[in-house]
């Protein structure tokens, strides 16, 4: 920052914006997080420090994303699991991937559930849905409602 005598209006505005940003960041932290960032001078340093603390380095994020995508590719409904339980696990996984930068399109999620997640005992229902609906435009929540209704019969 500049010395008091040679500060320009732009310098003061930058200082004020940094102070406001730091205030907002610090107000949302607990004591353990505050300890991590207390020596940071700028809002950017606080943000970067918290990002590494919570998400890890780019290498760690890439490793986590690779592991989670592998879990997504191998995802299957567990024996004895309800449609809602399976869908909750599935959504948790796809949301985690999204937070790491891997977005899976809704139509891909619909297709995955219909063709690779449900057990073989659901085959007749899968065929009925595929024959009666346009899978590329079928909303995911409609698919889950349909499967849940079938499960409850």
C-alpha atoms as a PDB file:
ATOM      1  CA  UNK A   1       0.000   0.000   0.000  1.00  0.00           C
ATOM      2  CA  UNK A   2       1.108   3.595  -0.350  1.00  0.00           C
ATOM      3  CA  UNK A   3       2.394   5.946   2.333  1.00  0.00           C
ATOM      4  CA  UNK A   4      -0.279   8.191   3.793  1.00  0.00           C
ATOM      5  CA  UNK A   5       0.996  11.368   2.046  1.00  0.00           C
ATOM      6  CA  UNK A   6       1.193   9.914  -1.452  1.00  0.00           C
ATOM      7  CA  UNK A   7      -2.063   7.876  -1.504  1.00  0.00           C
ATOM      8  CA  UNK A   8      -4.328   8.531  -4.434  1.00  0.00           C
ATOM      9  CA  UNK A   9      -8.092   8.288  -4.369  1.00  0.00           C
ATOM     10  CA  UNK A  10      -7.808   5.007  -6.300  1.00  0.00           C
ATOM     11  CA  UNK A  11      -5.438   3.647  -3.631  1.00  0.00           C
ATOM     12  CA  UNK A  12      -7.910   4.551  -0.901  1.00  0.00           C
ATOM     13  CA  UNK A  13     -10.779   2.941  -2.819  1.00  0.00           C
ATOM     14  CA  UNK A  14      -8.750  -0.280  -3.255  1.00  0.00           C
ATOM     15  CA  UNK A  15      -7.882  -0.253   0.452  1.00  0.00           C
ATOM     16  CA  UNK A  16     -11.555   0.242   1.371  1.00  0.00           C
ATOM     17  CA  UNK A  17     -12.712  -2.572  -0.944  1.00  0.00           C
ATOM     18  CA  UNK A  18     -10.065  -4.908   0.483  1.00  0.00           C
ATOM     19  CA  UNK A  19     -11.095  -4.025   4.048  1.00  0.00           C
ATOM     20  CA  UNK A  20     -14.779  -4.714   3.275  1.00  0.00           C
ATOM     21  CA  UNK A  21     -13.974  -8.013   1.570  1.00  0.00           C
ATOM     22  CA  UNK A  22     -11.766  -9.100   4.480  1.00  0.00           C
ATOM     23  CA  UNK A  23     -14.534  -8.209   6.924  1.00  0.00           C
ATOM     24  CA  UNK A  24     -17.108 -10.313   5.051  1.00  0.00           C
ATOM     25  CA  UNK A  25     -14.756 -13.263   4.775  1.00  0.00           C
ATOM     26  CA  UNK A  26     -13.687 -13.180   8.411  1.00  0.00           C
ATOM     27  CA  UNK A  27     -17.250 -12.775   9.741  1.00  0.00           C
ATOM     28  CA  UNK A  28     -18.202 -16.162   8.317  1.00  0.00           C
ATOM     29  CA  UNK A  29     -15.309 -18.067   9.890  1.00  0.00           C
ATOM     30  CA  UNK A  30     -15.116 -20.181  12.986  1.00  0.00           C
ATOM     31  CA  UNK A  31     -12.210 -20.007  15.426  1.00  0.00           C
ATOM     32  CA  UNK A  32     -10.256 -22.835  13.759  1.00  0.00           C
ATOM     33  CA  UNK A  33     -10.478 -21.211  10.344  1.00  0.00           C
ATOM     34  CA  UNK A  34      -9.587 -17.807  11.738  1.00  0.00           C
ATOM     35  CA  UNK A  35      -6.330 -19.197  13.091  1.00  0.00           C
ATOM     36  CA  UNK A  36      -5.417 -20.302   9.550  1.00  0.00           C
ATOM     37  CA  UNK A  37      -5.985 -16.872   7.982  1.00  0.00           C
ATOM     38  CA  UNK A  38      -5.114 -14.418  10.743  1.00  0.00           C
ATOM     39  CA  UNK A  39      -1.766 -13.507   9.193  1.00  0.00           C
ATOM     40  CA  UNK A  40      -3.223 -12.823   5.720  1.00  0.00           C
ATOM     41  CA  UNK A  41      -2.976  -9.180   4.649  1.00  0.00           C
ATOM     42  CA  UNK A  42      -5.478  -9.150   1.780  1.00  0.00           C
ATOM     43  CA  UNK A  43      -8.880 -10.619   1.013  1.00  0.00           C
ATOM     44  CA  UNK A  44      -7.276 -12.494  -1.894  1.00  0.00           C
ATOM     45  CA  UNK A  45      -4.764 -14.135   0.454  1.00  0.00           C
ATOM     46  CA  UNK A  46      -7.597 -15.095   2.828  1.00  0.00           C
ATOM     47  CA  UNK A  47      -9.608 -16.563  -0.032  1.00  0.00           C
ATOM     48  CA  UNK A  48      -6.671 -18.523  -1.454  1.00  0.00           C
ATOM     49  CA  UNK A  49      -5.706 -19.850   1.989  1.00  0.00           C
ATOM     50  CA  UNK A  50      -9.270 -20.993   2.730  1.00  0.00           C
ATOM     51  CA  UNK A  51      -9.606 -22.539  -0.714  1.00  0.00           C
ATOM     52  CA  UNK A  52      -6.486 -24.653  -0.229  1.00  0.00           C
ATOM     53  CA  UNK A  53      -7.555 -25.553   3.332  1.00  0.00           C
ATOM     54  CA  UNK A  54     -10.986 -26.762   2.191  1.00  0.00           C
ATOM     55  CA  UNK A  55     -10.427 -28.001  -1.341  1.00  0.00           C
ATOM     56  CA  UNK A  56      -6.729 -28.786  -1.399  1.00  0.00           C
ATOM     57  CA  UNK A  57      -4.199 -27.898  -4.035  1.00  0.00           C
ATOM     58  CA  UNK A  58      -5.065 -28.234  -7.736  1.00  0.00           C
ATOM     59  CA  UNK A  59      -3.309 -31.620  -7.762  1.00  0.00           C
ATOM     60  CA  UNK A  60      -5.406 -32.845  -4.815  1.00  0.00           C
ATOM     61  CA  UNK A  61      -8.611 -31.586  -6.467  1.00  0.00           C
ATOM     62  CA  UNK A  62      -7.700 -33.380  -9.697  1.00  0.00           C
ATOM     63  CA  UNK A  63      -7.048 -36.596  -7.782  1.00  0.00           C
ATOM     64  CA  UNK A  64     -10.359 -36.314  -5.915  1.00  0.00           C
ATOM     65  CA  UNK A  65     -12.214 -35.529  -9.151  1.00  0.00           C
ATOM     66  CA  UNK A  66     -10.664 -38.585 -10.844  1.00  0.00           C
ATOM     67  CA  UNK A  67     -11.631 -40.849  -7.923  1.00  0.00           C
ATOM     68  CA  UNK A  68     -15.173 -39.466  -7.779  1.00  0.00           C
ATOM     69  CA  UNK A  69     -15.649 -39.781 -11.538  1.00  0.00           C
ATOM     70  CA  UNK A  70     -14.590 -43.405 -11.248  1.00  0.00           C
ATOM     71  CA  UNK A  71     -17.228 -43.835  -8.536  1.00  0.00           C
ATOM     72  CA  UNK A  72     -19.768 -42.240 -10.889  1.00  0.00           C
ATOM     73  CA  UNK A  73     -18.842 -44.570 -13.753  1.00  0.00           C
ATOM     74  CA  UNK A  74     -19.177 -47.620 -11.470  1.00  0.00           C
ATOM     75  CA  UNK A  75     -22.280 -46.388  -9.645  1.00  0.00           C
ATOM     76  CA  UNK A  76     -24.994 -49.004  -9.141  1.00  0.00           C
ATOM     77  CA  UNK A  77     -28.054 -49.430  -6.993  1.00  0.00           C
ATOM     78  CA  UNK A  78     -27.263 -51.507  -3.911  1.00  0.00           C
ATOM     79  CA  UNK A  79     -29.220 -54.606  -3.000  1.00  0.00           C
ATOM     80  CA  UNK A  80     -32.105 -53.678  -0.691  1.00  0.00           C
ATOM     81  CA  UNK A  81     -31.723 -49.969  -1.440  1.00  0.00           C
ATOM     82  CA  UNK A  82     -34.820 -47.915  -2.294  1.00  0.00           C
ATOM     83  CA  UNK A  83     -35.026 -45.667  -5.341  1.00  0.00           C
ATOM     84  CA  UNK A  84     -34.928 -42.622  -3.060  1.00  0.00           C
ATOM     85  CA  UNK A  85     -31.833 -43.862  -1.219  1.00  0.00           C
ATOM     86  CA  UNK A  86     -30.102 -44.614  -4.510  1.00  0.00           C
ATOM     87  CA  UNK A  87     -31.091 -41.223  -5.914  1.00  0.00           C
ATOM     88  CA  UNK A  88     -29.786 -39.421  -2.809  1.00  0.00           C
ATOM     89  CA  UNK A  89     -26.397 -41.160  -3.151  1.00  0.00           C
ATOM     90  CA  UNK A  90     -26.372 -40.458  -6.891  1.00  0.00           C
ATOM     91  CA  UNK A  91     -27.223 -36.769  -6.445  1.00  0.00           C
ATOM     92  CA  UNK A  92     -24.627 -36.366  -3.699  1.00  0.00           C
ATOM     93  CA  UNK A  93     -21.991 -37.797  -6.028  1.00  0.00           C
ATOM     94  CA  UNK A  94     -22.981 -35.705  -9.065  1.00  0.00           C
ATOM     95  CA  UNK A  95     -23.158 -32.536  -6.924  1.00  0.00           C
ATOM     96  CA  UNK A  96     -19.688 -33.239  -5.541  1.00  0.00           C
ATOM     97  CA  UNK A  97     -18.386 -33.689  -9.092  1.00  0.00           C
ATOM     98  CA  UNK A  98     -20.053 -30.423 -10.100  1.00  0.00           C
ATOM     99  CA  UNK A  99     -18.342 -28.594  -7.223  1.00  0.00           C
ATOM    100  CA  UNK A 100     -15.026 -29.910  -8.567  1.00  0.00           C
ATOM    101  CA  UNK A 101     -15.763 -28.696 -12.096  1.00  0.00           C
ATOM    102  CA  UNK A 102     -17.157 -31.861 -13.716  1.00  0.00           C
ATOM    103  CA  UNK A 103     -20.717 -31.239 -14.856  1.00  0.00           C
ATOM    104  CA  UNK A 104     -22.796 -34.225 -15.898  1.00  0.00           C
ATOM    105  CA  UNK A 105     -25.738 -33.291 -18.077  1.00  0.00           C
ATOM    106  CA  UNK A 106     -29.255 -34.176 -16.905  1.00  0.00           C
ATOM    107  CA  UNK A 107     -29.908 -36.339 -19.942  1.00  0.00           C
ATOM    108  CA  UNK A 108     -26.714 -38.288 -19.238  1.00  0.00           C
ATOM    109  CA  UNK A 109     -27.831 -38.842 -15.638  1.00  0.00           C
ATOM    110  CA  UNK A 110     -31.255 -40.066 -16.822  1.00  0.00           C
ATOM    111  CA  UNK A 111     -29.640 -42.456 -19.290  1.00  0.00           C
ATOM    112  CA  UNK A 112     -27.170 -43.706 -16.695  1.00  0.00           C
ATOM    113  CA  UNK A 113     -29.890 -44.474 -14.146  1.00  0.00           C
ATOM    114  CA  UNK A 114     -31.994 -46.267 -16.734  1.00  0.00           C
ATOM    115  CA  UNK A 115     -29.262 -48.241 -18.446  1.00  0.00           C
ATOM    116  CA  UNK A 116     -26.502 -48.856 -15.890  1.00  0.00           C
ATOM    117  CA  UNK A 117     -27.676 -48.182 -12.322  1.00  0.00           C
ATOM    118  CA  UNK A 118     -30.855 -50.148 -11.836  1.00  0.00           C
ATOM    119  CA  UNK A 119     -30.588 -53.897 -11.220  1.00  0.00           C
ATOM    120  CA  UNK A 120     -31.728 -56.478 -13.781  1.00  0.00           C
ATOM    121  CA  UNK A 121     -34.959 -57.008 -11.825  1.00  0.00           C
ATOM    122  CA  UNK A 122     -36.074 -53.585 -13.086  1.00  0.00           C
ATOM    123  CA  UNK A 123     -35.647 -54.532 -16.747  1.00  0.00           C
ATOM    124  CA  UNK A 124     -39.369 -54.622 -17.622  1.00  0.00           C
ATOM    125  CA  UNK A 125     -39.917 -51.151 -16.138  1.00  0.00           C
ATOM    126  CA  UNK A 126     -36.812 -49.809 -17.891  1.00  0.00           C
ATOM    127  CA  UNK A 127     -38.070 -51.097 -21.252  1.00  0.00           C
ATOM    128  CA  UNK A 128     -41.534 -49.630 -20.618  1.00  0.00           C
ATOM    129  CA  UNK A 129     -40.049 -46.204 -19.862  1.00  0.00           C
ATOM    130  CA  UNK A 130     -37.713 -46.332 -22.860  1.00  0.00           C
ATOM    131  CA  UNK A 131     -40.615 -47.234 -25.173  1.00  0.00           C
ATOM    132  CA  UNK A 132     -43.066 -44.685 -23.785  1.00  0.00           C
ATOM    133  CA  UNK A 133     -40.822 -41.679 -23.147  1.00  0.00           C
ATOM    134  CA  UNK A 134     -38.265 -39.667 -25.060  1.00  0.00           C
ATOM    135  CA  UNK A 135     -35.232 -40.361 -22.874  1.00  0.00           C
ATOM    136  CA  UNK A 136     -33.288 -37.376 -24.223  1.00  0.00           C
ATOM    137  CA  UNK A 137     -35.937 -34.955 -22.906  1.00  0.00           C
ATOM    138  CA  UNK A 138     -37.196 -36.891 -19.863  1.00  0.00           C
ATOM    139  CA  UNK A 139     -36.643 -34.785 -16.730  1.00  0.00           C
ATOM    140  CA  UNK A 140     -34.661 -36.577 -14.035  1.00  0.00           C
ATOM    141  CA  UNK A 141     -37.215 -35.818 -11.308  1.00  0.00           C
ATOM    142  CA  UNK A 142     -39.988 -37.305 -13.465  1.00  0.00           C
ATOM    143  CA  UNK A 143     -37.951 -40.476 -13.940  1.00  0.00           C
ATOM    144  CA  UNK A 144     -37.381 -40.767 -10.185  1.00  0.00           C
ATOM    145  CA  UNK A 145     -41.108 -40.192  -9.460  1.00  0.00           C
ATOM    146  CA  UNK A 146     -42.001 -42.862 -12.020  1.00  0.00           C
ATOM    147  CA  UNK A 147     -39.517 -45.354 -10.573  1.00  0.00           C
ATOM    148  CA  UNK A 148     -40.617 -44.626  -6.992  1.00  0.00           C
ATOM    149  CA  UNK A 149     -44.282 -45.138  -7.902  1.00  0.00           C
ATOM    150  CA  UNK A 150     -43.399 -48.465  -9.523  1.00  0.00           C
ATOM    151  CA  UNK A 151     -41.331 -49.486  -6.478  1.00  0.00           C
ATOM    152  CA  UNK A 152     -44.236 -48.793  -4.118  1.00  0.00           C
ATOM    153  CA  UNK A 153     -46.596 -51.165  -5.998  1.00  0.00           C
END
